[in-house]
Amino acid sequence: MAIAWPLFAIYGLSHTRPADMTALNIKPGEVAIYAGEGTGGTQCDGNQPCVIIPPQRDYIVFPRVLSDAAVVIVEDKSDGLTVTRYRGYALMLVIVWIICGYGTWYYWIRPFVAARRASKTFP
């Protein structure tokens, strides 16, 4: 996640969905950063009818996120696009990204650099 999420966000910026941008009500000076995607599907439980789970895309709208730390979810439902805001979720996303970045440095990059330095000190 430490490396993949920024690449995913860049992909989302380069391949925007115009319908999502309209549903998000993007104003001039705002940008929707792609944060994730759910493909949807069906959920079947015993003898109950199956429930269709609509596909969804998650966005962080900057600079709007600075005021409410919300992740905005756009779902493809049969009656059109539905937008739901989850306040505070963007903060959790950033915290998880920082923890993953630290873990990547601590467990992968730091040992590699230390081994490389150790190999240079011995002939």
C-alpha atoms as a PDB file:
ATOM      1  CA  MET A   1       0.000   0.000   0.000  1.00  0.00           C
ATOM      2  CA  ALA A   2       2.891   2.371   0.675  1.00  0.00           C
ATOM      3  CA  ILE A   3       3.862   2.354  -2.989  1.00  0.00           C
ATOM      4  CA  ALA A   4       0.675   1.185  -4.709  1.00  0.00           C
ATOM      5  CA  TRP A   5      -1.766   3.762  -3.321  1.00  0.00           C
ATOM      6  CA  PRO A   6       0.065   6.804  -4.771  1.00  0.00           C
ATOM      7  CA  LEU A   7       0.268   4.989  -8.124  1.00  0.00           C
ATOM      8  CA  PHE A   8      -3.446   4.175  -7.886  1.00  0.00           C
ATOM      9  CA  ALA A   9      -4.208   7.853  -7.177  1.00  0.00           C
ATOM     10  CA  ILE A  10      -2.172   8.938 -10.227  1.00  0.00           C
ATOM     11  CA  TYR A  11      -4.040   6.389 -12.348  1.00  0.00           C
ATOM     12  CA  GLY A  12      -7.349   7.795 -11.084  1.00  0.00           C
ATOM     13  CA  LEU A  13      -6.293  11.340 -11.960  1.00  0.00           C
ATOM     14  CA  SER A  14      -5.357  10.316 -15.488  1.00  0.00           C
ATOM     15  CA  HIS A  15      -8.488   8.186 -16.114  1.00  0.00           C
ATOM     16  CA  THR A  16     -11.340  10.138 -14.537  1.00  0.00           C
ATOM     17  CA  ARG A  17     -14.979   9.129 -14.942  1.00  0.00           C
ATOM     18  CA  PRO A  18     -16.966  12.225 -15.978  1.00  0.00           C
ATOM     19  CA  ALA A  19     -20.173  10.861 -14.406  1.00  0.00           C
ATOM     20  CA  ASP A  20     -18.389  10.456 -11.063  1.00  0.00           C
ATOM     21  CA  MET A  21     -17.015  13.994 -11.213  1.00  0.00           C
ATOM     22  CA  THR A  22     -20.521  15.323 -11.867  1.00  0.00           C
ATOM     23  CA  ALA A  23     -21.949  13.262  -8.995  1.00  0.00           C
ATOM     24  CA  LEU A  24     -19.201  14.499  -6.664  1.00  0.00           C
ATOM     25  CA  ASN A  25     -20.075  18.104  -7.574  1.00  0.00           C
ATOM     26  CA  ILE A  26     -16.436  19.045  -8.160  1.00  0.00           C
ATOM     27  CA  LYS A  27     -15.978  22.812  -8.032  1.00  0.00           C
ATOM     28  CA  PRO A  28     -13.178  24.813  -9.707  1.00  0.00           C
ATOM     29  CA  GLY A  29      -9.964  24.348  -7.752  1.00  0.00           C
ATOM     30  CA  GLU A  30     -10.996  20.934  -6.373  1.00  0.00           C
ATOM     31  CA  VAL A  31      -9.604  17.582  -7.412  1.00  0.00           C
ATOM     32  CA  ALA A  32     -10.967  14.105  -6.696  1.00  0.00           C
ATOM     33  CA  ILE A  33      -8.173  11.698  -5.735  1.00  0.00           C
ATOM     34  CA  TYR A  34      -9.008   8.078  -6.463  1.00  0.00           C
ATOM     35  CA  ALA A  35      -8.686   6.112  -3.211  1.00  0.00           C
ATOM     36  CA  GLY A  36     -10.089   2.682  -4.015  1.00  0.00           C
ATOM     37  CA  GLU A  37     -12.639   0.550  -5.783  1.00  0.00           C
ATOM     38  CA  GLY A  38     -15.123  -2.174  -4.975  1.00  0.00           C
ATOM     39  CA  THR A  39     -16.307  -4.363  -7.825  1.00  0.00           C
ATOM     40  CA  GLY A  40     -19.697  -5.275  -6.361  1.00  0.00           C
ATOM     41  CA  GLY A  41     -21.348  -8.637  -6.884  1.00  0.00           C
ATOM     42  CA  THR A  42     -24.049 -10.614  -5.120  1.00  0.00           C
ATOM     43  CA  GLN A  43     -24.484 -11.786  -1.551  1.00  0.00           C
ATOM     44  CA  CYS A  44     -26.579 -14.891  -1.085  1.00  0.00           C
ATOM     45  CA  ASP A  45     -27.548 -16.171   2.360  1.00  0.00           C
ATOM     46  CA  GLY A  46     -29.384 -19.485   2.690  1.00  0.00           C
ATOM     47  CA  ASN A  47     -32.946 -19.412   1.395  1.00  0.00           C
ATOM     48  CA  GLN A  48     -33.096 -15.617   1.272  1.00  0.00           C
ATOM     49  CA  PRO A  49     -33.075 -13.851  -2.104  1.00  0.00           C
ATOM     50  CA  CYS A  50     -29.641 -12.724  -3.242  1.00  0.00           C
ATOM     51  CA  VAL A  51     -28.725  -9.082  -2.611  1.00  0.00           C
ATOM     52  CA  ILE A  52     -26.927  -7.269  -5.406  1.00  0.00           C
ATOM     53  CA  ILE A  53     -23.986  -5.199  -4.176  1.00  0.00           C
ATOM     54  CA  PRO A  54     -23.365  -2.318  -6.589  1.00  0.00           C
ATOM     55  CA  PRO A  55     -19.858  -1.465  -7.801  1.00  0.00           C
ATOM     56  CA  GLN A  56     -18.334   1.533  -6.068  1.00  0.00           C
ATOM     57  CA  ARG A  57     -15.403   3.897  -6.286  1.00  0.00           C
ATOM     58  CA  ASP A  58     -13.855   5.787  -3.370  1.00  0.00           C
ATOM     59  CA  TYR A  59     -12.541   9.330  -3.688  1.00  0.00           C
ATOM     60  CA  ILE A  60     -10.898  11.933  -1.485  1.00  0.00           C
ATOM     61  CA  VAL A  61     -11.885  15.398  -2.693  1.00  0.00           C
ATOM     62  CA  PHE A  62      -9.081  17.898  -2.088  1.00  0.00           C
ATOM     63  CA  PRO A  63      -9.198  20.588  -0.542  1.00  0.00           C
ATOM     64  CA  ARG A  64     -12.683  19.649   0.775  1.00  0.00           C
ATOM     65  CA  VAL A  65     -11.061  16.803   2.738  1.00  0.00           C
ATOM     66  CA  LEU A  66      -9.235  19.306   4.945  1.00  0.00           C
ATOM     67  CA  SER A  67     -12.510  20.428   6.536  1.00  0.00           C
ATOM     68  CA  ASP A  68     -14.205  17.076   7.205  1.00  0.00           C
ATOM     69  CA  ALA A  69     -11.646  14.319   6.440  1.00  0.00           C
ATOM     70  CA  ALA A  70     -14.290  12.483   4.417  1.00  0.00           C
ATOM     71  CA  VAL A  71     -13.956   9.663   1.947  1.00  0.00           C
ATOM     72  CA  VAL A  72     -16.670   9.985  -0.693  1.00  0.00           C
ATOM     73  CA  ILE A  73     -18.077   6.787  -2.182  1.00  0.00           C
ATOM     74  CA  VAL A  74     -19.825   6.752  -5.567  1.00  0.00           C
ATOM     75  CA  GLU A  75     -21.984   3.660  -6.162  1.00  0.00           C
ATOM     76  CA  ASP A  76     -23.487   2.486  -9.452  1.00  0.00           C
ATOM     77  CA  LYS A  77     -27.087   1.658  -8.554  1.00  0.00           C
ATOM     78  CA  SER A  78     -29.958   0.811 -10.874  1.00  0.00           C
ATOM     79  CA  ASP A  79     -31.467   4.289 -10.423  1.00  0.00           C
ATOM     80  CA  GLY A  80     -28.179   6.108 -11.097  1.00  0.00           C
ATOM     81  CA  LEU A  81     -25.122   7.122  -9.132  1.00  0.00           C
ATOM     82  CA  THR A  82     -25.355   7.434  -5.351  1.00  0.00           C
ATOM     83  CA  VAL A  83     -22.854   9.509  -3.374  1.00  0.00           C
ATOM     84  CA  THR A  84     -22.147   8.774   0.309  1.00  0.00           C
ATOM     85  CA  ARG A  85     -19.723  10.705   2.531  1.00  0.00           C
ATOM     86  CA  TYR A  86     -17.912   8.991   5.388  1.00  0.00           C
ATOM     87  CA  ARG A  87     -16.478  11.686   7.643  1.00  0.00           C
ATOM     88  CA  GLY A  88     -13.138  10.904   9.284  1.00  0.00           C
ATOM     89  CA  TYR A  89     -12.326   7.936   7.029  1.00  0.00           C
ATOM     90  CA  ALA A  90      -9.688   9.881   5.098  1.00  0.00           C
ATOM     91  CA  LEU A  91      -7.752  10.293   8.322  1.00  0.00           C
ATOM     92  CA  MET A  92      -7.763   6.514   8.800  1.00  0.00           C
ATOM     93  CA  LEU A  93      -6.589   6.051   5.207  1.00  0.00           C
ATOM     94  CA  VAL A  94      -3.660   8.426   5.735  1.00  0.00           C
ATOM     95  CA  ILE A  95      -2.717   6.764   9.051  1.00  0.00           C
ATOM     96  CA  VAL A  96      -2.722   3.304   7.430  1.00  0.00           C
ATOM     97  CA  TRP A  97      -0.640   4.650   4.525  1.00  0.00           C
ATOM     98  CA  ILE A  98       1.926   6.144   6.938  1.00  0.00           C
ATOM     99  CA  ILE A  99       2.138   2.875   8.892  1.00  0.00           C
ATOM    100  CA  CYS A 100       2.630   0.924   5.650  1.00  0.00           C
ATOM    101  CA  GLY A 101       5.267   3.401   4.477  1.00  0.00           C
ATOM    102  CA  TYR A 102       7.136   3.047   7.760  1.00  0.00           C
ATOM    103  CA  GLY A 103       6.865  -0.752   7.573  1.00  0.00           C
ATOM    104  CA  THR A 104       8.204  -0.719   4.005  1.00  0.00           C
ATOM    105  CA  TRP A 105      11.181   1.359   5.101  1.00  0.00           C
ATOM    106  CA  TYR A 106      11.817  -0.581   8.317  1.00  0.00           C
ATOM    107  CA  TYR A 107      11.512  -4.144   6.982  1.00  0.00           C
ATOM    108  CA  TRP A 108      12.645  -3.807   3.351  1.00  0.00           C
ATOM    109  CA  ILE A 109      14.639  -0.659   2.632  1.00  0.00           C
ATOM    110  CA  ARG A 110      16.584  -0.265   5.908  1.00  0.00           C
ATOM    111  CA  PRO A 111      17.975  -3.852   5.928  1.00  0.00           C
ATOM    112  CA  PHE A 112      18.937  -3.520   2.267  1.00  0.00           C
ATOM    113  CA  VAL A 113      20.816  -0.254   2.902  1.00  0.00           C
ATOM    114  CA  ALA A 114      22.469  -1.681   6.033  1.00  0.00           C
ATOM    115  CA  ALA A 115      23.616  -4.803   4.148  1.00  0.00           C
ATOM    116  CA  ARG A 116      24.956  -2.680   1.334  1.00  0.00           C
ATOM    117  CA  ARG A 117      26.919  -0.504   3.756  1.00  0.00           C
ATOM    118  CA  ALA A 118      28.262  -3.590   5.534  1.00  0.00           C
ATOM    119  CA  SER A 119      29.473  -5.091   2.255  1.00  0.00           C
ATOM    120  CA  LYS A 120      31.403  -1.899   1.452  1.00  0.00           C
ATOM    121  CA  THR A 121      33.259  -1.917   4.758  1.00  0.00           C
ATOM    122  CA  PHE A 122      34.662  -5.415   4.248  1.00  0.00           C
ATOM    123  CA  PRO A 123      36.841  -6.125   1.204  1.00  0.00           C
END
